[in-house]
Amino acid sequence: MAERNDIILNQFEEYLTQIALSPATITNYLADMRNFVRWGKKTYGDDFSLITVAPEQIRAYRNHLLEEQKRAASTVNRHLQALRKCCAYLTQTNLSPINAAEEISLVSGEKGTSPQSLSAKDVEAFLEAAYQTLSSIAKRDAAIVNLLVGAGLRLAEVSGLQLDDVVFDYPGVHLAVRDSRGQGKRDIPLSQEIYKLLKEWLLIRPKTSFPYVFLSREANPVSSRTVQHIVSRCAKTARLNGVTAQLLRRTYALRLLEETGDLDLVQQRLGHRDSGVTKRYLNIENPQTDADG
């Protein structure tokens, strides 16, 4: 007869497949969860169950990875992300009365080990700053910074975005982004908020023969340098230090990975040639090196 935790993990695997996570991501999640179960049984006994796991047990596991196993912050956080996903599934399916991982914080990375990103509060302040400019270009700037942090575009991709790249497909809209590195196009769906901002800008965009989405007050295409200037101005207004377009792109990627757990999806959205590039970009270690012996 199958062990109860194994049954739960089999059901969890079916759930991950249903929500269309990549096979590699599913494999990694399950490997991390099995590591957690093995540690739980060794620490608390054979009766250790995913259904009754408590927040303090997850904290103890986090400390075990950090202090005893000496794992990097990025590795510990990957284990915690798997736990968050599994505990959320257990709660949604009424298998567990509480989400034991919901309030467990991720680990702050040491210098050079964890990619820098903006907090949700900082992102909100940064986006609000885009509106604190001349009314004639506030809508443009708001659309630009939202594309950087909400769609993960590069500087050159924002300045090079053309009208034909905005594809309206019911019920939403997506961008057919021309890769700034000459690797073709990639599709990026837009949130309703970004779609609204983009639509508001296009309604007042100066009429010109230029095909580019974003124009200056003089109706000339904006340059990458102008986009970076907009980023710097918004950061200064929001009193945030060290904000660059690269930081906004990384913030987008980390948030997408946290929400979906799908590294392949993040790779596609960022326009990376393979997942290895994305792992290095986000400083993610190989899960195969994490197995508890």
C-alpha atoms as a PDB file:
ATOM      1  CA  MET A   1       0.000   0.000   0.000  1.00  0.00           C
ATOM      2  CA  ALA A   2       1.342   3.375  -0.982  1.00  0.00           C
ATOM      3  CA  GLU A   3       2.551   5.631   1.822  1.00  0.00           C
ATOM      4  CA  ARG A   4       0.269   8.622   2.486  1.00  0.00           C
ATOM      5  CA  ASN A   5       2.894  11.236   1.656  1.00  0.00           C
ATOM      6  CA  ASP A   6       3.617   9.462  -1.642  1.00  0.00           C
ATOM      7  CA  ILE A   7      -0.082   9.582  -2.532  1.00  0.00           C
ATOM      8  CA  ILE A   8      -0.182  13.298  -1.779  1.00  0.00           C
ATOM      9  CA  LEU A   9       2.888  13.960  -3.918  1.00  0.00           C
ATOM     10  CA  ASN A  10       1.377  11.943  -6.781  1.00  0.00           C
ATOM     11  CA  GLN A  11      -1.753  14.098  -6.557  1.00  0.00           C
ATOM     12  CA  PHE A  12       0.423  17.207  -6.358  1.00  0.00           C
ATOM     13  CA  GLU A  13       2.208  16.084  -9.532  1.00  0.00           C
ATOM     14  CA  GLU A  14      -1.137  15.742 -11.328  1.00  0.00           C
ATOM     15  CA  TYR A  15      -2.083  19.243 -10.180  1.00  0.00           C
ATOM     16  CA  LEU A  16       1.195  20.723 -11.450  1.00  0.00           C
ATOM     17  CA  THR A  17       0.620  19.023 -14.796  1.00  0.00           C
ATOM     18  CA  GLN A  18      -2.921  20.419 -14.995  1.00  0.00           C
ATOM     19  CA  ILE A  19      -1.715  23.991 -14.467  1.00  0.00           C
ATOM     20  CA  ALA A  20       0.759  23.471 -17.315  1.00  0.00           C
ATOM     21  CA  LEU A  21       4.084  23.788 -15.535  1.00  0.00           C
ATOM     22  CA  SER A  22       7.019  22.490 -17.543  1.00  0.00           C
ATOM     23  CA  PRO A  23       8.165  18.871 -16.996  1.00  0.00           C
ATOM     24  CA  ALA A  24      11.519  20.095 -15.664  1.00  0.00           C
ATOM     25  CA  THR A  25       9.845  22.383 -13.125  1.00  0.00           C
ATOM     26  CA  ILE A  26       7.527  19.597 -11.973  1.00  0.00           C
ATOM     27  CA  THR A  27      10.483  17.239 -11.554  1.00  0.00           C
ATOM     28  CA  ASN A  28      12.362  19.834  -9.503  1.00  0.00           C
ATOM     29  CA  TYR A  29       9.366  20.574  -7.261  1.00  0.00           C
ATOM     30  CA  LEU A  30       8.802  16.892  -6.545  1.00  0.00           C
ATOM     31  CA  ALA A  31      12.491  16.297  -5.809  1.00  0.00           C
ATOM     32  CA  ASP A  32      12.490  19.175  -3.316  1.00  0.00           C
ATOM     33  CA  MET A  33       9.303  17.936  -1.648  1.00  0.00           C
ATOM     34  CA  ARG A  34      10.669  14.401  -1.299  1.00  0.00           C
ATOM     35  CA  ASN A  35      13.779  15.839   0.324  1.00  0.00           C
ATOM     36  CA  PHE A  36      11.519  17.648   2.779  1.00  0.00           C
ATOM     37  CA  VAL A  37       9.563  14.468   3.591  1.00  0.00           C
ATOM     38  CA  ARG A  38      12.769  12.475   4.166  1.00  0.00           C
ATOM     39  CA  TRP A  39      14.071  15.173   6.501  1.00  0.00           C
ATOM     40  CA  GLY A  40      10.704  15.334   8.299  1.00  0.00           C
ATOM     41  CA  LYS A  41      10.630  11.598   8.972  1.00  0.00           C
ATOM     42  CA  LYS A  42      14.210  11.610  10.176  1.00  0.00           C
ATOM     43  CA  THR A  43      13.550  14.573  12.473  1.00  0.00           C
ATOM     44  CA  TYR A  44       9.989  13.948  13.712  1.00  0.00           C
ATOM     45  CA  GLY A  45       9.459  10.236  13.140  1.00  0.00           C
ATOM     46  CA  ASP A  46       7.651   8.035  10.631  1.00  0.00           C
ATOM     47  CA  ASP A  47       4.298   9.681  11.399  1.00  0.00           C
ATOM     48  CA  PHE A  48       5.471  12.936   9.790  1.00  0.00           C
ATOM     49  CA  SER A  49       2.773  14.009   7.329  1.00  0.00           C
ATOM     50  CA  LEU A  50       2.453  16.756   4.740  1.00  0.00           C
ATOM     51  CA  ILE A  51      -1.185  17.168   5.765  1.00  0.00           C
ATOM     52  CA  THR A  52      -0.346  18.148   9.329  1.00  0.00           C
ATOM     53  CA  VAL A  53       2.937  19.968   8.712  1.00  0.00           C
ATOM     54  CA  ALA A  54       3.281  23.092  10.865  1.00  0.00           C
ATOM     55  CA  PRO A  55       4.953  26.450  10.140  1.00  0.00           C
ATOM     56  CA  GLU A  56       7.591  25.830  12.810  1.00  0.00           C
ATOM     57  CA  GLN A  57       8.586  22.611  11.039  1.00  0.00           C
ATOM     58  CA  ILE A  58       9.126  24.474   7.785  1.00  0.00           C
ATOM     59  CA  ARG A  59      11.198  27.077   9.628  1.00  0.00           C
ATOM     60  CA  ALA A  60      13.266  24.266  11.140  1.00  0.00           C
ATOM     61  CA  TYR A  61      13.794  22.806   7.663  1.00  0.00           C
ATOM     62  CA  ARG A  62      14.869  26.204   6.362  1.00  0.00           C
ATOM     63  CA  ASN A  63      17.395  26.460   9.203  1.00  0.00           C
ATOM     64  CA  HIS A  64      18.565  22.904   8.510  1.00  0.00           C
ATOM     65  CA  LEU A  65      19.335  23.784   4.893  1.00  0.00           C
ATOM     66  CA  LEU A  66      21.064  27.014   5.857  1.00  0.00           C
ATOM     67  CA  GLU A  67      23.009  26.084   8.967  1.00  0.00           C
ATOM     68  CA  GLU A  68      23.624  22.343   8.715  1.00  0.00           C
ATOM     69  CA  GLN A  69      23.668  21.769   4.976  1.00  0.00           C
ATOM     70  CA  LYS A  70      25.271  25.175   4.275  1.00  0.00           C
ATOM     71  CA  ARG A  71      23.097  25.657   1.209  1.00  0.00           C
ATOM     72  CA  ALA A  72      23.158  28.915  -0.738  1.00  0.00           C
ATOM     73  CA  ALA A  73      20.258  31.323  -0.238  1.00  0.00           C
ATOM     74  CA  SER A  74      19.053  30.711  -3.796  1.00  0.00           C
ATOM     75  CA  THR A  75      18.901  26.951  -3.156  1.00  0.00           C
ATOM     76  CA  VAL A  76      17.058  27.340   0.147  1.00  0.00           C
ATOM     77  CA  ASN A  77      14.564  29.680  -1.487  1.00  0.00           C
ATOM     78  CA  ARG A  78      13.922  27.179  -4.264  1.00  0.00           C
ATOM     79  CA  HIS A  79      13.033  24.551  -1.645  1.00  0.00           C
ATOM     80  CA  LEU A  80      10.748  27.062   0.075  1.00  0.00           C
ATOM     81  CA  GLN A  81       9.037  27.875  -3.229  1.00  0.00           C
ATOM     82  CA  ALA A  82       8.255  24.188  -3.714  1.00  0.00           C
ATOM     83  CA  LEU A  83       6.816  24.052  -0.191  1.00  0.00           C
ATOM     84  CA  ARG A  84       4.710  27.148  -0.823  1.00  0.00           C
ATOM     85  CA  LYS A  85       3.254  25.621  -3.958  1.00  0.00           C
ATOM     86  CA  CYS A  86       2.524  22.287  -2.285  1.00  0.00           C
ATOM     87  CA  CYS A  87       1.016  23.802   0.866  1.00  0.00           C
ATOM     88  CA  ALA A  88      -1.183  26.075  -1.244  1.00  0.00           C
ATOM     89  CA  TYR A  89      -2.393  22.991  -3.144  1.00  0.00           C
ATOM     90  CA  LEU A  90      -3.169  21.142   0.110  1.00  0.00           C
ATOM     91  CA  THR A  91      -5.214  24.091   1.350  1.00  0.00           C
ATOM     92  CA  GLN A  92      -7.084  24.587  -1.929  1.00  0.00           C
ATOM     93  CA  THR A  93      -8.101  20.917  -1.999  1.00  0.00           C
ATOM     94  CA  ASN A  94      -9.087  20.917   1.702  1.00  0.00           C
ATOM     95  CA  LEU A  95      -6.479  18.292   2.514  1.00  0.00           C
ATOM     96  CA  SER A  96      -4.951  20.641   5.064  1.00  0.00           C
ATOM     97  CA  PRO A  97      -6.748  23.273   7.184  1.00  0.00           C
ATOM     98  CA  ILE A  98      -3.901  25.801   7.008  1.00  0.00           C
ATOM     99  CA  ASN A  99      -1.227  26.880   4.555  1.00  0.00           C
ATOM    100  CA  ALA A 100       1.814  26.188   6.714  1.00  0.00           C
ATOM    101  CA  ALA A 101       4.236  27.860   4.288  1.00  0.00           C
ATOM    102  CA  GLU A 102       2.255  31.034   3.668  1.00  0.00           C
ATOM    103  CA  GLU A 103       3.998  33.163   6.288  1.00  0.00           C
ATOM    104  CA  ILE A 104       7.470  31.650   5.916  1.00  0.00           C
ATOM    105  CA  SER A 105       9.821  34.301   4.565  1.00  0.00           C
ATOM    106  CA  LEU A 106      12.439  33.627   1.936  1.00  0.00           C
ATOM    107  CA  VAL A 107      16.112  33.949   2.785  1.00  0.00           C
ATOM    108  CA  SER A 108      17.960  37.182   2.071  1.00  0.00           C
ATOM    109  CA  GLY A 109      20.915  36.314  -0.127  1.00  0.00           C
ATOM    110  CA  GLU A 110      24.455  37.230   0.755  1.00  0.00           C
ATOM    111  CA  LYS A 111      26.265  39.695  -1.456  1.00  0.00           C
ATOM    112  CA  GLY A 112      26.924  38.127  -4.820  1.00  0.00           C
ATOM    113  CA  THR A 113      24.739  35.054  -4.217  1.00  0.00           C
ATOM    114  CA  SER A 114      21.226  36.359  -4.752  1.00  0.00           C
ATOM    115  CA  PRO A 115      20.065  38.622  -7.573  1.00  0.00           C
ATOM    116  CA  GLN A 116      18.884  42.024  -6.533  1.00  0.00           C
ATOM    117  CA  SER A 117      15.237  42.879  -7.096  1.00  0.00           C
ATOM    118  CA  LEU A 118      12.662  45.404  -5.969  1.00  0.00           C
ATOM    119  CA  SER A 119      10.103  44.622  -3.287  1.00  0.00           C
ATOM    120  CA  ALA A 120       6.403  44.919  -4.115  1.00  0.00           C
ATOM    121  CA  LYS A 121       6.287  48.158  -2.129  1.00  0.00           C
ATOM    122  CA  ASP A 122       9.239  49.599  -4.052  1.00  0.00           C
ATOM    123  CA  VAL A 123       7.684  48.605  -7.373  1.00  0.00           C
ATOM    124  CA  GLU A 124       4.472  50.395  -6.413  1.00  0.00           C
ATOM    125  CA  ALA A 125       6.369  53.564  -5.460  1.00  0.00           C
ATOM    126  CA  PHE A 126       8.406  53.407  -8.661  1.00  0.00           C
ATOM    127  CA  LEU A 127       5.339  53.056 -10.885  1.00  0.00           C
ATOM    128  CA  GLU A 128       3.519  55.861  -9.080  1.00  0.00           C
ATOM    129  CA  ALA A 129       6.474  58.155  -9.794  1.00  0.00           C
ATOM    130  CA  ALA A 130       5.877  57.839 -13.534  1.00  0.00           C
ATOM    131  CA  TYR A 131       2.741  59.959 -13.207  1.00  0.00           C
ATOM    132  CA  GLN A 132       4.558  62.785 -11.453  1.00  0.00           C
ATOM    133  CA  THR A 133       5.692  64.478 -14.649  1.00  0.00           C
ATOM    134  CA  LEU A 134       4.305  66.719 -17.374  1.00  0.00           C
ATOM    135  CA  SER A 135       0.787  65.601 -18.257  1.00  0.00           C
ATOM    136  CA  SER A 136       1.612  65.369 -21.956  1.00  0.00           C
ATOM    137  CA  ILE A 137       4.055  62.504 -21.448  1.00  0.00           C
ATOM    138  CA  ALA A 138       2.892  60.981 -18.152  1.00  0.00           C
ATOM    139  CA  LYS A 139       0.872  58.322 -19.959  1.00  0.00           C
ATOM    140  CA  ARG A 140       3.865  57.472 -22.158  1.00  0.00           C
ATOM    141  CA  ASP A 141       6.222  57.152 -19.210  1.00  0.00           C
ATOM    142  CA  ALA A 142       3.706  55.085 -17.237  1.00  0.00           C
ATOM    143  CA  ALA A 143       3.366  52.651 -20.143  1.00  0.00           C
ATOM    144  CA  ILE A 144       7.151  52.439 -20.561  1.00  0.00           C
ATOM    145  CA  VAL A 145       8.024  51.665 -16.945  1.00  0.00           C
ATOM    146  CA  ASN A 146       5.164  49.178 -16.658  1.00  0.00           C
ATOM    147  CA  LEU A 147       6.495  47.307 -19.698  1.00  0.00           C
ATOM    148  CA  LEU A 148       9.935  47.159 -18.090  1.00  0.00           C
ATOM    149  CA  VAL A 149       8.834  45.812 -14.709  1.00  0.00           C
ATOM    150  CA  GLY A 150       5.586  44.129 -15.787  1.00  0.00           C
ATOM    151  CA  ALA A 151       6.687  42.455 -19.021  1.00  0.00           C
ATOM    152  CA  GLY A 152      10.463  42.184 -18.634  1.00  0.00           C
ATOM    153  CA  LEU A 153      11.439  44.037 -21.799  1.00  0.00           C
ATOM    154  CA  ARG A 154      14.997  45.222 -22.402  1.00  0.00           C
ATOM    155  CA  LEU A 155      15.762  48.913 -22.948  1.00  0.00           C
ATOM    156  CA  ALA A 156      16.274  48.461 -26.677  1.00  0.00           C
ATOM    157  CA  GLU A 157      13.108  46.382 -26.965  1.00  0.00           C
ATOM    158  CA  VAL A 158      11.022  49.164 -25.435  1.00  0.00           C
ATOM    159  CA  SER A 159      12.498  51.884 -27.633  1.00  0.00           C
ATOM    160  CA  GLY A 160      12.255  49.614 -30.687  1.00  0.00           C
ATOM    161  CA  LEU A 161       8.650  48.531 -30.072  1.00  0.00           C
ATOM    162  CA  GLN A 162       6.537  49.175 -33.182  1.00  0.00           C
ATOM    163  CA  LEU A 163       2.795  49.606 -33.616  1.00  0.00           C
ATOM    164  CA  ASP A 164       2.506  46.306 -35.483  1.00  0.00           C
ATOM    165  CA  ASP A 165       4.117  44.554 -32.519  1.00  0.00           C
ATOM    166  CA  VAL A 166       1.036  45.246 -30.377  1.00  0.00           C
ATOM    167  CA  VAL A 167      -1.307  42.362 -31.202  1.00  0.00           C
ATOM    168  CA  PHE A 168      -4.919  42.589 -30.084  1.00  0.00           C
ATOM    169  CA  ASP A 169      -6.330  39.091 -29.691  1.00  0.00           C
ATOM    170  CA  TYR A 170      -9.588  38.520 -27.839  1.00  0.00           C
ATOM    171  CA  PRO A 171      -9.898  38.575 -24.892  1.00  0.00           C
ATOM    172  CA  GLY A 172      -6.560  40.281 -24.337  1.00  0.00           C
ATOM    173  CA  VAL A 173      -3.476  41.650 -25.996  1.00  0.00           C
ATOM    174  CA  HIS A 174       0.117  40.547 -26.367  1.00  0.00           C
ATOM    175  CA  LEU A 175       3.368  41.916 -27.715  1.00  0.00           C
ATOM    176  CA  ALA A 176       5.309  40.314 -30.538  1.00  0.00           C
ATOM    177  CA  VAL A 177       8.627  41.604 -29.247  1.00  0.00           C
ATOM    178  CA  ARG A 178      11.452  42.045 -31.737  1.00  0.00           C
ATOM    179  CA  ASP A 179      14.466  40.659 -29.913  1.00  0.00           C
ATOM    180  CA  SER A 180      17.107  43.345 -29.571  1.00  0.00           C
ATOM    181  CA  ARG A 181      19.775  40.687 -30.120  1.00  0.00           C
ATOM    182  CA  GLY A 182      18.468  39.565 -33.495  1.00  0.00           C
ATOM    183  CA  GLN A 183      16.886  36.296 -32.335  1.00  0.00           C
ATOM    184  CA  GLY A 184      13.469  36.818 -33.926  1.00  0.00           C
ATOM    185  CA  LYS A 185      10.279  37.592 -32.013  1.00  0.00           C
ATOM    186  CA  ARG A 186       8.723  36.295 -28.827  1.00  0.00           C
ATOM    187  CA  ASP A 187       5.141  36.660 -27.609  1.00  0.00           C
ATOM    188  CA  ILE A 188       4.526  38.318 -24.246  1.00  0.00           C
ATOM    189  CA  PRO A 189       0.945  38.538 -22.915  1.00  0.00           C
ATOM    190  CA  LEU A 190       0.074  41.795 -21.195  1.00  0.00           C
ATOM    191  CA  SER A 191      -1.891  42.291 -18.011  1.00  0.00           C
ATOM    192  CA  GLN A 192      -5.114  44.285 -18.164  1.00  0.00           C
ATOM    193  CA  GLU A 193      -3.372  47.128 -16.349  1.00  0.00           C
ATOM    194  CA  ILE A 194      -0.542  47.386 -18.879  1.00  0.00           C
ATOM    195  CA  TYR A 195      -2.998  46.998 -21.750  1.00  0.00           C
ATOM    196  CA  LYS A 196      -5.013  49.919 -20.382  1.00  0.00           C
ATOM    197  CA  LEU A 197      -1.916  52.118 -19.995  1.00  0.00           C
ATOM    198  CA  LEU A 198      -0.702  51.274 -23.477  1.00  0.00           C
ATOM    199  CA  LYS A 199      -4.109  51.990 -24.973  1.00  0.00           C
ATOM    200  CA  GLU A 200      -4.313  55.356 -23.183  1.00  0.00           C
ATOM    201  CA  TRP A 201      -0.932  56.353 -24.594  1.00  0.00           C
ATOM    202  CA  LEU A 202      -1.777  55.236 -28.134  1.00  0.00           C
ATOM    203  CA  LEU A 203      -4.902  57.409 -28.069  1.00  0.00           C
ATOM    204  CA  ILE A 204      -2.819  60.555 -27.537  1.00  0.00           C
ATOM    205  CA  ARG A 205       0.341  59.475 -29.343  1.00  0.00           C
ATOM    206  CA  PRO A 206       1.450  62.109 -31.889  1.00  0.00           C
ATOM    207  CA  LYS A 207       0.487  61.347 -35.475  1.00  0.00           C
ATOM    208  CA  THR A 208       3.613  60.620 -37.473  1.00  0.00           C
ATOM    209  CA  SER A 209       5.011  58.349 -40.154  1.00  0.00           C
ATOM    210  CA  PHE A 210       7.312  56.692 -37.622  1.00  0.00           C
ATOM    211  CA  PRO A 211       6.121  53.155 -36.798  1.00  0.00           C
ATOM    212  CA  TYR A 212       7.422  53.219 -33.226  1.00  0.00           C
ATOM    213  CA  VAL A 213       5.065  53.068 -30.255  1.00  0.00           C
ATOM    214  CA  PHE A 214       6.920  55.525 -28.055  1.00  0.00           C
ATOM    215  CA  LEU A 215       7.686  59.024 -29.298  1.00  0.00           C
ATOM    216  CA  SER A 216       9.110  62.203 -27.817  1.00  0.00           C
ATOM    217  CA  ARG A 217       7.230  65.493 -27.483  1.00  0.00           C
ATOM    218  CA  GLU A 218       8.662  66.357 -30.904  1.00  0.00           C
ATOM    219  CA  ALA A 219       7.160  63.149 -32.340  1.00  0.00           C
ATOM    220  CA  ASN A 220      10.560  61.476 -32.769  1.00  0.00           C
ATOM    221  CA  PRO A 221      11.250  57.877 -31.689  1.00  0.00           C
ATOM    222  CA  VAL A 222      12.556  57.641 -28.131  1.00  0.00           C
ATOM    223  CA  SER A 223      16.042  56.204 -27.724  1.00  0.00           C
ATOM    224  CA  SER A 224      17.241  53.590 -25.248  1.00  0.00           C
ATOM    225  CA  ARG A 225      19.046  56.411 -23.486  1.00  0.00           C
ATOM    226  CA  THR A 226      15.745  58.274 -23.083  1.00  0.00           C
ATOM    227  CA  VAL A 227      14.109  55.173 -21.621  1.00  0.00           C
ATOM    228  CA  GLN A 228      16.940  54.823 -19.102  1.00  0.00           C
ATOM    229  CA  HIS A 229      16.542  58.520 -18.238  1.00  0.00           C
ATOM    230  CA  ILE A 230      12.841  57.893 -17.532  1.00  0.00           C
ATOM    231  CA  VAL A 231      13.802  54.999 -15.248  1.00  0.00           C
ATOM    232  CA  SER A 232      16.339  57.148 -13.394  1.00  0.00           C
ATOM    233  CA  ARG A 233      13.875  60.007 -12.970  1.00  0.00           C
ATOM    234  CA  CYS A 234      11.144  57.741 -11.601  1.00  0.00           C
ATOM    235  CA  ALA A 235      13.615  56.110  -9.214  1.00  0.00           C
ATOM    236  CA  LYS A 236      14.768  59.498  -7.959  1.00  0.00           C
ATOM    237  CA  THR A 237      11.176  60.650  -7.439  1.00  0.00           C
ATOM    238  CA  ALA A 238      10.404  57.426  -5.541  1.00  0.00           C
ATOM    239  CA  ARG A 239      13.653  57.814  -3.539  1.00  0.00           C
ATOM    240  CA  LEU A 240      14.981  54.463  -4.685  1.00  0.00           C
ATOM    241  CA  ASN A 241      18.690  53.906  -5.236  1.00  0.00           C
ATOM    242  CA  GLY A 242      20.355  51.783  -7.888  1.00  0.00           C
ATOM    243  CA  VAL A 243      17.291  51.225 -10.068  1.00  0.00           C
ATOM    244  CA  THR A 244      18.123  50.310 -13.660  1.00  0.00           C
ATOM    245  CA  ALA A 245      16.199  48.721 -16.509  1.00  0.00           C
ATOM    246  CA  GLN A 246      18.160  45.524 -15.829  1.00  0.00           C
ATOM    247  CA  LEU A 247      16.982  45.514 -12.215  1.00  0.00           C
ATOM    248  CA  LEU A 248      13.366  45.963 -13.341  1.00  0.00           C
ATOM    249  CA  ARG A 249      13.707  43.077 -15.799  1.00  0.00           C
ATOM    250  CA  ARG A 250      15.167  40.839 -13.103  1.00  0.00           C
ATOM    251  CA  THR A 251      12.385  41.836 -10.702  1.00  0.00           C
ATOM    252  CA  TYR A 252       9.850  40.781 -13.341  1.00  0.00           C
ATOM    253  CA  ALA A 253      11.602  37.450 -13.887  1.00  0.00           C
ATOM    254  CA  LEU A 254      11.816  36.615 -10.187  1.00  0.00           C
ATOM    255  CA  ARG A 255       8.167  37.484  -9.618  1.00  0.00           C
ATOM    256  CA  LEU A 256       7.096  35.341 -12.585  1.00  0.00           C
ATOM    257  CA  LEU A 257       9.178  32.426 -11.309  1.00  0.00           C
ATOM    258  CA  GLU A 258       7.696  32.790  -7.821  1.00  0.00           C
ATOM    259  CA  GLU A 259       4.128  32.905  -9.175  1.00  0.00           C
ATOM    260  CA  THR A 260       4.431  30.000 -11.636  1.00  0.00           C
ATOM    261  CA  GLY A 261       7.468  27.987 -10.598  1.00  0.00           C
ATOM    262  CA  ASP A 262       8.046  27.468 -14.329  1.00  0.00           C
ATOM    263  CA  LEU A 263      11.646  28.214 -15.316  1.00  0.00           C
ATOM    264  CA  ASP A 264      10.957  27.376 -18.963  1.00  0.00           C
ATOM    265  CA  LEU A 265       8.226  30.012 -19.065  1.00  0.00           C
ATOM    266  CA  VAL A 266      10.576  32.603 -17.561  1.00  0.00           C
ATOM    267  CA  GLN A 267      13.190  31.665 -20.157  1.00  0.00           C
ATOM    268  CA  GLN A 268      10.687  32.170 -22.982  1.00  0.00           C
ATOM    269  CA  ARG A 269       9.431  35.496 -21.663  1.00  0.00           C
ATOM    270  CA  LEU A 270      12.969  36.845 -21.218  1.00  0.00           C
ATOM    271  CA  GLY A 271      14.051  35.672 -24.657  1.00  0.00           C
ATOM    272  CA  HIS A 272      16.976  33.576 -23.415  1.00  0.00           C
ATOM    273  CA  ARG A 273      18.353  30.918 -25.757  1.00  0.00           C
ATOM    274  CA  ASP A 274      18.204  28.178 -23.089  1.00  0.00           C
ATOM    275  CA  SER A 275      17.302  27.631 -19.449  1.00  0.00           C
ATOM    276  CA  GLY A 276      20.966  27.596 -18.440  1.00  0.00           C
ATOM    277  CA  VAL A 277      21.189  31.278 -19.326  1.00  0.00           C
ATOM    278  CA  THR A 278      18.087  31.962 -17.235  1.00  0.00           C
ATOM    279  CA  LYS A 279      19.484  30.031 -14.262  1.00  0.00           C
ATOM    280  CA  ARG A 280      22.680  32.059 -14.367  1.00  0.00           C
ATOM    281  CA  TYR A 281      20.697  35.272 -14.789  1.00  0.00           C
ATOM    282  CA  LEU A 282      18.663  34.522 -11.655  1.00  0.00           C
ATOM    283  CA  ASN A 283      21.510  32.724  -9.866  1.00  0.00           C
ATOM    284  CA  ILE A 284      19.588  29.461  -9.534  1.00  0.00           C
ATOM    285  CA  GLU A 285      21.545  26.342  -8.674  1.00  0.00           C
ATOM    286  CA  ASN A 286      21.013  22.924 -10.172  1.00  0.00           C
ATOM    287  CA  PRO A 287      18.452  20.975  -8.125  1.00  0.00           C
ATOM    288  CA  GLN A 288      20.339  17.733  -8.766  1.00  0.00           C
ATOM    289  CA  THR A 289      23.091  18.944  -6.425  1.00  0.00           C
ATOM    290  CA  ASP A 290      20.638  19.317  -3.547  1.00  0.00           C
ATOM    291  CA  ALA A 291      19.631  15.772  -2.811  1.00  0.00           C
ATOM    292  CA  ASP A 292      19.900  14.956   0.888  1.00  0.00           C
ATOM    293  CA  GLY A 293      21.929  11.767   1.213  1.00  0.00           C
END
